[in-house]
Amino acid sequence: MKKINNMAYRVSIISIILNILLSLIKICCGFIGHSQAIITDAIHSLTDLFSTFIVIIGIFFSGKKADKKHPYGHERFECVASIILANILIVTGIIIGYKGIISVVTNSLEVAKIPNMFALLAALVSIVTKEALYIYTKRVAKKINSPALMSDAYHHHSDALSSIGSLIGVGGAMLGYKKSDSIASIVIALFIIKAAYDILKESLEKMLDCSVDDEVENKILQIASSQRGVLSVDDLKTRQFGSKIYIDLEISVDGTIQLEKAHQIAHNVHDQIEETLAECKHCMIHVNPYTK
């Protein structure tokens, strides 16, 4: 667990440093390049610092050991962090979309200065940096099975999409299409809200003890039925608990064997499942006497 947390903290620190540098670059280029879109994008990047701190807090608390008051651990803190991040993304998408709609309706871009190459450069740097952060963070999130870190990865991806919108808007404005910035912002806002919805849906499912997907359940059934002494698998229930899963499994063995031998069969099934599935926090095995 300590190694996993260290990996998550390392990713978060890299994210914080790059977001600070990226925000400074975009603010400077936004003013020099006469682009309100790039300045707004810079402020958007600064809000990512807050999101990353939420991720760090969520991972810190989820990594705490089980105690008397919380015997099942604290993994759901990551889901709480993901839900907060999803709501931040939704609010961000609504604000960007609203500003874009107001600009189109009121023609507020008519009086704006035409952006220059500095604005284009800032947008390109932002796209490359944010997409690289997305790929890196997503890879680590999958490796350590962290929903909060995965939410932060998609936040980086939404920022890359936002910067693409800024690039299109700045490029269009330079070519004389003054409303292109606002129209692009509206489209990107929809992408951001969709990403937030997906994160929120997944996090709520994990908070509500939803079962794991069919692929994982089939793997559990295969492991159990392949163990020596298991004559049938009678029932399987799974539930997600933050980044971990709990398994309740009923197996049938020969009813005439000694209790100690039946216990050993169940113990073998338990150990094999927990060794094979890294995300399994606990596996409960119930033994039934086999009946034809």
C-alpha atoms as a PDB file:
ATOM      1  CA  MET A   1       0.000   0.000   0.000  1.00  0.00           C
ATOM      2  CA  LYS A   2       2.869   2.374   0.823  1.00  0.00           C
ATOM      3  CA  LYS A   3       4.435   1.766  -2.595  1.00  0.00           C
ATOM      4  CA  ILE A   4       1.094   2.426  -4.301  1.00  0.00           C
ATOM      5  CA  ASN A   5       0.606   5.687  -2.397  1.00  0.00           C
ATOM      6  CA  ASN A   6       4.152   6.798  -3.248  1.00  0.00           C
ATOM      7  CA  MET A   7       3.438   6.262  -6.955  1.00  0.00           C
ATOM      8  CA  ALA A   8       0.213   8.267  -6.697  1.00  0.00           C
ATOM      9  CA  TYR A   9       1.941  11.086  -4.794  1.00  0.00           C
ATOM     10  CA  ARG A  10       4.726  11.210  -7.398  1.00  0.00           C
ATOM     11  CA  VAL A  11       2.207  11.603 -10.215  1.00  0.00           C
ATOM     12  CA  SER A  12       0.341  14.304  -8.274  1.00  0.00           C
ATOM     13  CA  ILE A  13       3.520  16.305  -7.564  1.00  0.00           C
ATOM     14  CA  ILE A  14       4.513  16.164 -11.254  1.00  0.00           C
ATOM     15  CA  SER A  15       0.994  17.331 -12.132  1.00  0.00           C
ATOM     16  CA  ILE A  16       1.195  20.271  -9.704  1.00  0.00           C
ATOM     17  CA  ILE A  17       4.585  21.444 -11.004  1.00  0.00           C
ATOM     18  CA  LEU A  18       3.568  21.206 -14.663  1.00  0.00           C
ATOM     19  CA  ASN A  19       0.242  22.963 -14.043  1.00  0.00           C
ATOM     20  CA  ILE A  20       1.991  25.888 -12.345  1.00  0.00           C
ATOM     21  CA  LEU A  21       4.498  26.239 -15.214  1.00  0.00           C
ATOM     22  CA  LEU A  22       1.779  25.817 -17.833  1.00  0.00           C
ATOM     23  CA  SER A  23      -0.447  28.435 -16.202  1.00  0.00           C
ATOM     24  CA  LEU A  24       2.391  30.982 -16.136  1.00  0.00           C
ATOM     25  CA  ILE A  25       3.214  30.297 -19.794  1.00  0.00           C
ATOM     26  CA  LYS A  26      -0.417  30.675 -20.865  1.00  0.00           C
ATOM     27  CA  ILE A  27      -0.985  33.851 -18.847  1.00  0.00           C
ATOM     28  CA  CYS A  28       2.104  35.504 -20.385  1.00  0.00           C
ATOM     29  CA  CYS A  29       1.305  34.330 -23.910  1.00  0.00           C
ATOM     30  CA  GLY A  30      -2.356  35.258 -23.459  1.00  0.00           C
ATOM     31  CA  PHE A  31      -1.502  38.885 -22.658  1.00  0.00           C
ATOM     32  CA  ILE A  32       1.262  39.156 -25.258  1.00  0.00           C
ATOM     33  CA  GLY A  33      -0.810  37.319 -27.858  1.00  0.00           C
ATOM     34  CA  HIS A  34      -4.025  39.327 -27.173  1.00  0.00           C
ATOM     35  CA  SER A  35      -6.064  36.178 -26.506  1.00  0.00           C
ATOM     36  CA  GLN A  36      -8.741  36.116 -23.836  1.00  0.00           C
ATOM     37  CA  ALA A  37      -9.286  32.428 -24.614  1.00  0.00           C
ATOM     38  CA  ILE A  38      -5.709  31.560 -23.618  1.00  0.00           C
ATOM     39  CA  ILE A  39      -5.944  33.642 -20.417  1.00  0.00           C
ATOM     40  CA  THR A  40      -9.171  31.836 -19.521  1.00  0.00           C
ATOM     41  CA  ASP A  41      -7.470  28.528 -20.283  1.00  0.00           C
ATOM     42  CA  ALA A  42      -4.649  29.541 -17.919  1.00  0.00           C
ATOM     43  CA  ILE A  43      -7.129  30.155 -15.113  1.00  0.00           C
ATOM     44  CA  HIS A  44      -8.637  26.751 -15.920  1.00  0.00           C
ATOM     45  CA  SER A  45      -5.188  25.177 -15.457  1.00  0.00           C
ATOM     46  CA  LEU A  46      -4.810  26.870 -12.080  1.00  0.00           C
ATOM     47  CA  THR A  47      -8.035  25.230 -10.907  1.00  0.00           C
ATOM     48  CA  ASP A  48      -6.371  21.880 -11.660  1.00  0.00           C
ATOM     49  CA  LEU A  49      -4.057  22.491  -8.711  1.00  0.00           C
ATOM     50  CA  PHE A  50      -7.075  22.381  -6.420  1.00  0.00           C
ATOM     51  CA  SER A  51      -8.255  19.160  -8.088  1.00  0.00           C
ATOM     52  CA  THR A  52      -4.870  17.498  -7.654  1.00  0.00           C
ATOM     53  CA  PHE A  53      -4.797  18.420  -3.964  1.00  0.00           C
ATOM     54  CA  ILE A  54      -8.195  16.720  -3.621  1.00  0.00           C
ATOM     55  CA  VAL A  55      -6.715  13.603  -5.220  1.00  0.00           C
ATOM     56  CA  ILE A  56      -3.764  13.649  -2.792  1.00  0.00           C
ATOM     57  CA  ILE A  57      -6.106  13.993   0.198  1.00  0.00           C
ATOM     58  CA  GLY A  58      -8.353  11.183  -1.103  1.00  0.00           C
ATOM     59  CA  ILE A  59      -5.428   8.808  -1.643  1.00  0.00           C
ATOM     60  CA  PHE A  60      -3.948   9.678   1.765  1.00  0.00           C
ATOM     61  CA  PHE A  61      -7.138   8.843   3.659  1.00  0.00           C
ATOM     62  CA  SER A  62      -7.961   5.771   1.544  1.00  0.00           C
ATOM     63  CA  GLY A  63      -4.537   4.358   2.365  1.00  0.00           C
ATOM     64  CA  LYS A  64      -5.162   4.391   6.126  1.00  0.00           C
ATOM     65  CA  LYS A  65      -5.326   0.990   7.776  1.00  0.00           C
ATOM     66  CA  ALA A  66      -8.604  -0.460   9.012  1.00  0.00           C
ATOM     67  CA  ASP A  67      -9.471   0.414  12.599  1.00  0.00           C
ATOM     68  CA  LYS A  68     -12.153  -0.435  15.147  1.00  0.00           C
ATOM     69  CA  LYS A  69     -14.566   2.170  13.792  1.00  0.00           C
ATOM     70  CA  HIS A  70     -13.789   1.372  10.140  1.00  0.00           C
ATOM     71  CA  PRO A  71     -13.095  -2.389  10.070  1.00  0.00           C
ATOM     72  CA  TYR A  72     -13.451  -2.535   6.272  1.00  0.00           C
ATOM     73  CA  GLY A  73     -10.843   0.154   5.666  1.00  0.00           C
ATOM     74  CA  HIS A  74     -11.069   3.611   4.078  1.00  0.00           C
ATOM     75  CA  GLU A  75     -10.875   2.896   0.322  1.00  0.00           C
ATOM     76  CA  ARG A  76     -14.103   4.794  -0.374  1.00  0.00           C
ATOM     77  CA  PHE A  77     -12.325   8.074   0.312  1.00  0.00           C
ATOM     78  CA  GLU A  78     -10.994   7.767  -3.243  1.00  0.00           C
ATOM     79  CA  CYS A  79     -14.547   7.575  -4.551  1.00  0.00           C
ATOM     80  CA  VAL A  80     -15.424  10.706  -2.561  1.00  0.00           C
ATOM     81  CA  ALA A  81     -12.429  12.475  -4.140  1.00  0.00           C
ATOM     82  CA  SER A  82     -13.551  11.317  -7.604  1.00  0.00           C
ATOM     83  CA  ILE A  83     -17.083  12.611  -7.028  1.00  0.00           C
ATOM     84  CA  ILE A  84     -15.729  16.020  -5.951  1.00  0.00           C
ATOM     85  CA  LEU A  85     -13.503  16.109  -9.065  1.00  0.00           C
ATOM     86  CA  ALA A  86     -16.430  15.191 -11.301  1.00  0.00           C
ATOM     87  CA  ASN A  87     -18.487  18.049  -9.889  1.00  0.00           C
ATOM     88  CA  ILE A  88     -15.571  20.461 -10.455  1.00  0.00           C
ATOM     89  CA  LEU A  89     -15.448  19.309 -14.076  1.00  0.00           C
ATOM     90  CA  ILE A  90     -19.206  19.771 -14.492  1.00  0.00           C
ATOM     91  CA  VAL A  91     -19.048  23.318 -13.098  1.00  0.00           C
ATOM     92  CA  THR A  92     -16.006  24.073 -15.306  1.00  0.00           C
ATOM     93  CA  GLY A  93     -17.804  22.787 -18.398  1.00  0.00           C
ATOM     94  CA  ILE A  94     -20.946  24.796 -17.620  1.00  0.00           C
ATOM     95  CA  ILE A  95     -18.946  28.007 -17.075  1.00  0.00           C
ATOM     96  CA  ILE A  96     -16.952  27.560 -20.314  1.00  0.00           C
ATOM     97  CA  GLY A  97     -20.106  26.733 -22.277  1.00  0.00           C
ATOM     98  CA  TYR A  98     -22.056  29.638 -20.762  1.00  0.00           C
ATOM     99  CA  LYS A  99     -19.308  32.150 -21.597  1.00  0.00           C
ATOM    100  CA  GLY A 100     -19.151  30.781 -25.128  1.00  0.00           C
ATOM    101  CA  ILE A 101     -22.909  31.122 -25.606  1.00  0.00           C
ATOM    102  CA  ILE A 102     -22.906  34.683 -24.212  1.00  0.00           C
ATOM    103  CA  SER A 103     -20.059  35.637 -26.566  1.00  0.00           C
ATOM    104  CA  VAL A 104     -21.920  34.272 -29.589  1.00  0.00           C
ATOM    105  CA  VAL A 105     -25.230  35.893 -28.645  1.00  0.00           C
ATOM    106  CA  THR A 106     -23.802  39.316 -27.704  1.00  0.00           C
ATOM    107  CA  ASN A 107     -21.084  39.461 -30.396  1.00  0.00           C
ATOM    108  CA  SER A 108     -18.601  40.416 -27.659  1.00  0.00           C
ATOM    109  CA  LEU A 109     -15.671  39.228 -29.787  1.00  0.00           C
ATOM    110  CA  GLU A 110     -16.236  41.960 -32.351  1.00  0.00           C
ATOM    111  CA  VAL A 111     -14.225  44.448 -30.284  1.00  0.00           C
ATOM    112  CA  ALA A 112     -11.451  42.038 -29.314  1.00  0.00           C
ATOM    113  CA  LYS A 113      -7.914  42.347 -30.651  1.00  0.00           C
ATOM    114  CA  ILE A 114      -6.818  39.750 -33.181  1.00  0.00           C
ATOM    115  CA  PRO A 115      -4.610  37.126 -31.457  1.00  0.00           C
ATOM    116  CA  ASN A 116      -1.076  36.482 -32.703  1.00  0.00           C
ATOM    117  CA  MET A 117       1.353  33.546 -32.858  1.00  0.00           C
ATOM    118  CA  PHE A 118       2.129  33.686 -29.111  1.00  0.00           C
ATOM    119  CA  ALA A 119      -1.445  32.618 -28.402  1.00  0.00           C
ATOM    120  CA  LEU A 120      -1.199  29.749 -30.882  1.00  0.00           C
ATOM    121  CA  LEU A 121       2.095  28.628 -29.319  1.00  0.00           C
ATOM    122  CA  ALA A 122       0.589  28.609 -25.821  1.00  0.00           C
ATOM    123  CA  ALA A 123      -2.347  26.495 -26.996  1.00  0.00           C
ATOM    124  CA  LEU A 124      -0.030  23.971 -28.679  1.00  0.00           C
ATOM    125  CA  VAL A 125       2.196  23.682 -25.588  1.00  0.00           C
ATOM    126  CA  SER A 126      -0.894  23.190 -23.419  1.00  0.00           C
ATOM    127  CA  ILE A 127      -2.310  20.447 -25.669  1.00  0.00           C
ATOM    128  CA  VAL A 128       0.943  18.467 -25.751  1.00  0.00           C
ATOM    129  CA  THR A 129       1.612  18.844 -22.007  1.00  0.00           C
ATOM    130  CA  LYS A 130      -1.914  18.000 -20.903  1.00  0.00           C
ATOM    131  CA  GLU A 131      -2.262  15.002 -23.194  1.00  0.00           C
ATOM    132  CA  ALA A 132       1.118  13.672 -21.978  1.00  0.00           C
ATOM    133  CA  LEU A 133      -0.049  14.123 -18.372  1.00  0.00           C
ATOM    134  CA  TYR A 134      -3.303  12.324 -19.228  1.00  0.00           C
ATOM    135  CA  ILE A 135      -1.492   9.299 -20.709  1.00  0.00           C
ATOM    136  CA  TYR A 136       1.024   9.124 -17.835  1.00  0.00           C
ATOM    137  CA  THR A 137      -1.565   9.564 -15.069  1.00  0.00           C
ATOM    138  CA  LYS A 138      -3.992   7.082 -16.653  1.00  0.00           C
ATOM    139  CA  ARG A 139      -1.260   4.443 -16.951  1.00  0.00           C
ATOM    140  CA  VAL A 140      -0.306   4.782 -13.275  1.00  0.00           C
ATOM    141  CA  ALA A 141      -3.987   4.894 -12.208  1.00  0.00           C
ATOM    142  CA  LYS A 142      -4.626   1.585 -13.982  1.00  0.00           C
ATOM    143  CA  LYS A 143      -1.488   0.049 -12.484  1.00  0.00           C
ATOM    144  CA  ILE A 144      -2.460   0.888  -8.884  1.00  0.00           C
ATOM    145  CA  ASN A 145      -6.252   0.728  -9.520  1.00  0.00           C
ATOM    146  CA  SER A 146      -6.910   4.257  -8.233  1.00  0.00           C
ATOM    147  CA  PRO A 147     -10.300   5.805  -9.166  1.00  0.00           C
ATOM    148  CA  ALA A 148      -9.254   9.239  -7.842  1.00  0.00           C
ATOM    149  CA  LEU A 149      -6.082   9.250  -9.938  1.00  0.00           C
ATOM    150  CA  MET A 150      -8.060   8.039 -12.954  1.00  0.00           C
ATOM    151  CA  SER A 151     -10.479  10.946 -12.451  1.00  0.00           C
ATOM    152  CA  ASP A 152      -7.517  13.335 -12.394  1.00  0.00           C
ATOM    153  CA  ALA A 153      -6.243  11.739 -15.617  1.00  0.00           C
ATOM    154  CA  TYR A 154      -9.536  12.474 -17.357  1.00  0.00           C
ATOM    155  CA  HIS A 155      -9.379  15.991 -15.937  1.00  0.00           C
ATOM    156  CA  HIS A 156      -6.051  16.426 -17.771  1.00  0.00           C
ATOM    157  CA  HIS A 157      -7.685  15.055 -20.912  1.00  0.00           C
ATOM    158  CA  SER A 158     -10.554  17.523 -20.627  1.00  0.00           C
ATOM    159  CA  ASP A 159      -7.991  20.317 -20.307  1.00  0.00           C
ATOM    160  CA  ALA A 160      -6.280  19.123 -23.479  1.00  0.00           C
ATOM    161  CA  LEU A 161      -9.661  19.246 -25.230  1.00  0.00           C
ATOM    162  CA  SER A 162     -10.218  22.726 -23.827  1.00  0.00           C
ATOM    163  CA  SER A 163      -6.853  23.827 -25.200  1.00  0.00           C
ATOM    164  CA  ILE A 164      -7.748  22.345 -28.590  1.00  0.00           C
ATOM    165  CA  GLY A 165     -10.825  24.544 -28.465  1.00  0.00           C
ATOM    166  CA  SER A 166      -8.607  27.520 -27.673  1.00  0.00           C
ATOM    167  CA  LEU A 167      -6.298  26.623 -30.575  1.00  0.00           C
ATOM    168  CA  ILE A 168      -9.226  26.405 -33.006  1.00  0.00           C
ATOM    169  CA  GLY A 169     -10.705  29.619 -31.654  1.00  0.00           C
ATOM    170  CA  VAL A 170      -7.425  31.540 -31.851  1.00  0.00           C
ATOM    171  CA  GLY A 171      -6.689  30.151 -35.328  1.00  0.00           C
ATOM    172  CA  GLY A 172     -10.173  31.036 -36.529  1.00  0.00           C
ATOM    173  CA  ALA A 173      -9.937  34.551 -35.089  1.00  0.00           C
ATOM    174  CA  MET A 174      -6.584  35.077 -36.849  1.00  0.00           C
ATOM    175  CA  LEU A 175      -8.268  34.056 -40.108  1.00  0.00           C
ATOM    176  CA  GLY A 176     -11.123  36.499 -39.524  1.00  0.00           C
ATOM    177  CA  TYR A 177     -13.756  34.204 -37.994  1.00  0.00           C
ATOM    178  CA  LYS A 178     -14.219  36.119 -34.760  1.00  0.00           C
ATOM    179  CA  LYS A 179     -16.852  33.798 -33.263  1.00  0.00           C
ATOM    180  CA  SER A 180     -14.833  30.637 -33.767  1.00  0.00           C
ATOM    181  CA  ASP A 181     -13.351  30.874 -30.255  1.00  0.00           C
ATOM    182  CA  SER A 182     -16.774  30.947 -28.627  1.00  0.00           C
ATOM    183  CA  ILE A 183     -18.237  28.183 -30.791  1.00  0.00           C
ATOM    184  CA  ALA A 184     -15.246  25.940 -30.078  1.00  0.00           C
ATOM    185  CA  SER A 185     -15.609  26.627 -26.329  1.00  0.00           C
ATOM    186  CA  ILE A 186     -19.238  25.466 -26.401  1.00  0.00           C
ATOM    187  CA  VAL A 187     -18.307  22.197 -28.127  1.00  0.00           C
ATOM    188  CA  ILE A 188     -15.393  21.544 -25.740  1.00  0.00           C
ATOM    189  CA  ALA A 189     -17.636  22.301 -22.751  1.00  0.00           C
ATOM    190  CA  LEU A 190     -19.900  19.445 -23.841  1.00  0.00           C
ATOM    191  CA  PHE A 191     -16.904  17.076 -23.963  1.00  0.00           C
ATOM    192  CA  ILE A 192     -15.865  18.154 -20.462  1.00  0.00           C
ATOM    193  CA  ILE A 193     -19.368  17.602 -19.045  1.00  0.00           C
ATOM    194  CA  LYS A 194     -19.559  14.162 -20.721  1.00  0.00           C
ATOM    195  CA  ALA A 195     -16.202  13.150 -19.166  1.00  0.00           C
ATOM    196  CA  ALA A 196     -17.418  14.388 -15.765  1.00  0.00           C
ATOM    197  CA  TYR A 197     -20.620  12.361 -16.104  1.00  0.00           C
ATOM    198  CA  ASP A 198     -18.653   9.170 -16.823  1.00  0.00           C
ATOM    199  CA  ILE A 199     -16.402   9.746 -13.775  1.00  0.00           C
ATOM    200  CA  LEU A 200     -19.401  10.505 -11.541  1.00  0.00           C
ATOM    201  CA  LYS A 201     -21.296   7.416 -12.744  1.00  0.00           C
ATOM    202  CA  GLU A 202     -18.355   5.087 -12.102  1.00  0.00           C
ATOM    203  CA  SER A 203     -17.624   6.568  -8.662  1.00  0.00           C
ATOM    204  CA  LEU A 204     -21.259   6.323  -7.542  1.00  0.00           C
ATOM    205  CA  GLU A 205     -21.389   2.687  -8.658  1.00  0.00           C
ATOM    206  CA  LYS A 206     -18.385   1.923  -6.457  1.00  0.00           C
ATOM    207  CA  MET A 207     -19.996   3.755  -3.545  1.00  0.00           C
ATOM    208  CA  LEU A 208     -23.213   1.740  -3.958  1.00  0.00           C
ATOM    209  CA  ASP A 209     -21.588  -1.721  -3.789  1.00  0.00           C
ATOM    210  CA  CYS A 210     -22.184  -2.544  -7.452  1.00  0.00           C
ATOM    211  CA  SER A 211     -20.881  -5.899  -8.660  1.00  0.00           C
ATOM    212  CA  VAL A 212     -17.708  -6.212 -10.718  1.00  0.00           C
ATOM    213  CA  ASP A 213     -17.925  -6.689 -14.486  1.00  0.00           C
ATOM    214  CA  ASP A 214     -18.674 -10.073 -16.073  1.00  0.00           C
ATOM    215  CA  GLU A 215     -15.053 -10.646 -17.094  1.00  0.00           C
ATOM    216  CA  VAL A 216     -13.834 -10.524 -13.488  1.00  0.00           C
ATOM    217  CA  GLU A 217     -16.729 -12.661 -12.226  1.00  0.00           C
ATOM    218  CA  ASN A 218     -16.054 -15.301 -14.888  1.00  0.00           C
ATOM    219  CA  LYS A 219     -12.412 -15.327 -13.847  1.00  0.00           C
ATOM    220  CA  ILE A 220     -13.419 -15.912 -10.209  1.00  0.00           C
ATOM    221  CA  LEU A 221     -15.728 -18.775 -11.212  1.00  0.00           C
ATOM    222  CA  GLN A 222     -12.985 -20.332 -13.319  1.00  0.00           C
ATOM    223  CA  ILE A 223     -10.455 -20.162 -10.467  1.00  0.00           C
ATOM    224  CA  ALA A 224     -12.892 -21.651  -7.946  1.00  0.00           C
ATOM    225  CA  SER A 225     -14.153 -24.485 -10.148  1.00  0.00           C
ATOM    226  CA  SER A 226     -10.600 -25.501 -11.145  1.00  0.00           C
ATOM    227  CA  GLN A 227      -9.490 -26.193  -7.560  1.00  0.00           C
ATOM    228  CA  ARG A 228      -9.184 -29.821  -6.508  1.00  0.00           C
ATOM    229  CA  GLY A 229     -12.116 -30.949  -4.382  1.00  0.00           C
ATOM    230  CA  VAL A 230     -14.588 -28.314  -5.632  1.00  0.00           C
ATOM    231  CA  LEU A 231     -17.517 -30.200  -7.176  1.00  0.00           C
ATOM    232  CA  SER A 232     -19.611 -27.114  -8.049  1.00  0.00           C
ATOM    233  CA  VAL A 233     -19.838 -23.373  -7.545  1.00  0.00           C
ATOM    234  CA  ASP A 234     -23.265 -22.623  -6.097  1.00  0.00           C
ATOM    235  CA  ASP A 235     -23.304 -18.838  -5.758  1.00  0.00           C
ATOM    236  CA  LEU A 236     -21.127 -15.780  -6.333  1.00  0.00           C
ATOM    237  CA  LYS A 237     -21.637 -12.237  -5.093  1.00  0.00           C
ATOM    238  CA  THR A 238     -19.165  -9.407  -5.610  1.00  0.00           C
ATOM    239  CA  ARG A 239     -19.141  -5.763  -4.603  1.00  0.00           C
ATOM    240  CA  GLN A 240     -16.838  -2.867  -5.308  1.00  0.00           C
ATOM    241  CA  PHE A 241     -15.443  -0.995  -2.344  1.00  0.00           C
ATOM    242  CA  GLY A 242     -13.500   1.994  -3.630  1.00  0.00           C
ATOM    243  CA  SER A 243     -10.505   0.602  -5.520  1.00  0.00           C
ATOM    244  CA  LYS A 244     -10.964  -2.877  -3.968  1.00  0.00           C
ATOM    245  CA  ILE A 245     -13.499  -5.676  -4.352  1.00  0.00           C
ATOM    246  CA  TYR A 246     -15.137  -8.062  -1.879  1.00  0.00           C
ATOM    247  CA  ILE A 247     -16.141 -11.594  -2.876  1.00  0.00           C
ATOM    248  CA  ASP A 248     -18.714 -13.935  -1.304  1.00  0.00           C
ATOM    249  CA  LEU A 249     -18.528 -17.399  -2.808  1.00  0.00           C
ATOM    250  CA  GLU A 250     -20.408 -20.639  -2.126  1.00  0.00           C
ATOM    251  CA  ILE A 251     -18.845 -23.927  -3.228  1.00  0.00           C
ATOM    252  CA  SER A 252     -19.921 -27.569  -2.871  1.00  0.00           C
ATOM    253  CA  VAL A 253     -17.600 -30.382  -1.806  1.00  0.00           C
ATOM    254  CA  ASP A 254     -18.076 -34.060  -1.021  1.00  0.00           C
ATOM    255  CA  GLY A 255     -20.322 -34.133   2.039  1.00  0.00           C
ATOM    256  CA  THR A 256     -18.702 -37.299   3.408  1.00  0.00           C
ATOM    257  CA  ILE A 257     -15.191 -35.871   3.857  1.00  0.00           C
ATOM    258  CA  GLN A 258     -13.850 -34.584   7.156  1.00  0.00           C
ATOM    259  CA  LEU A 259     -14.438 -30.959   8.151  1.00  0.00           C
ATOM    260  CA  GLU A 260     -10.697 -30.293   8.209  1.00  0.00           C
ATOM    261  CA  LYS A 261     -10.353 -31.413   4.576  1.00  0.00           C
ATOM    262  CA  ALA A 262     -13.378 -29.347   3.484  1.00  0.00           C
ATOM    263  CA  HIS A 263     -11.857 -26.347   5.236  1.00  0.00           C
ATOM    264  CA  GLN A 264      -8.564 -26.882   3.403  1.00  0.00           C
ATOM    265  CA  ILE A 265     -10.352 -26.951   0.037  1.00  0.00           C
ATOM    266  CA  ALA A 266     -12.094 -23.669   0.857  1.00  0.00           C
ATOM    267  CA  HIS A 267      -8.779 -22.211   2.043  1.00  0.00           C
ATOM    268  CA  ASN A 268      -7.107 -23.180  -1.264  1.00  0.00           C
ATOM    269  CA  VAL A 269      -9.876 -21.469  -3.238  1.00  0.00           C
ATOM    270  CA  HIS A 270      -9.585 -18.361  -1.040  1.00  0.00           C
ATOM    271  CA  ASP A 271      -5.804 -18.126  -1.419  1.00  0.00           C
ATOM    272  CA  GLN A 272      -5.836 -18.686  -5.182  1.00  0.00           C
ATOM    273  CA  ILE A 273      -8.451 -15.968  -5.766  1.00  0.00           C
ATOM    274  CA  GLU A 274      -6.642 -13.398  -3.598  1.00  0.00           C
ATOM    275  CA  GLU A 275      -3.286 -14.216  -5.231  1.00  0.00           C
ATOM    276  CA  THR A 276      -4.709 -13.933  -8.760  1.00  0.00           C
ATOM    277  CA  LEU A 277      -6.824 -10.791  -8.277  1.00  0.00           C
ATOM    278  CA  ALA A 278      -4.722  -7.962  -6.865  1.00  0.00           C
ATOM    279  CA  GLU A 279      -7.821  -5.805  -6.381  1.00  0.00           C
ATOM    280  CA  CYS A 280      -9.455  -8.411  -4.101  1.00  0.00           C
ATOM    281  CA  LYS A 281      -9.390  -7.165  -0.515  1.00  0.00           C
ATOM    282  CA  HIS A 282     -11.288 -10.071   1.013  1.00  0.00           C
ATOM    283  CA  CYS A 283     -12.812 -13.322  -0.176  1.00  0.00           C
ATOM    284  CA  MET A 284     -15.357 -15.171   1.967  1.00  0.00           C
ATOM    285  CA  ILE A 285     -15.884 -18.865   1.136  1.00  0.00           C
ATOM    286  CA  HIS A 286     -18.943 -20.852   2.295  1.00  0.00           C
ATOM    287  CA  VAL A 287     -18.859 -24.629   1.913  1.00  0.00           C
ATOM    288  CA  ASN A 288     -21.955 -26.712   1.100  1.00  0.00           C
ATOM    289  CA  PRO A 289     -22.266 -30.531   0.962  1.00  0.00           C
ATOM    290  CA  TYR A 290     -22.559 -31.603  -2.678  1.00  0.00           C
ATOM    291  CA  THR A 291     -25.940 -32.920  -3.794  1.00  0.00           C
ATOM    292  CA  LYS A 292     -26.750 -34.248  -7.253  1.00  0.00           C
END
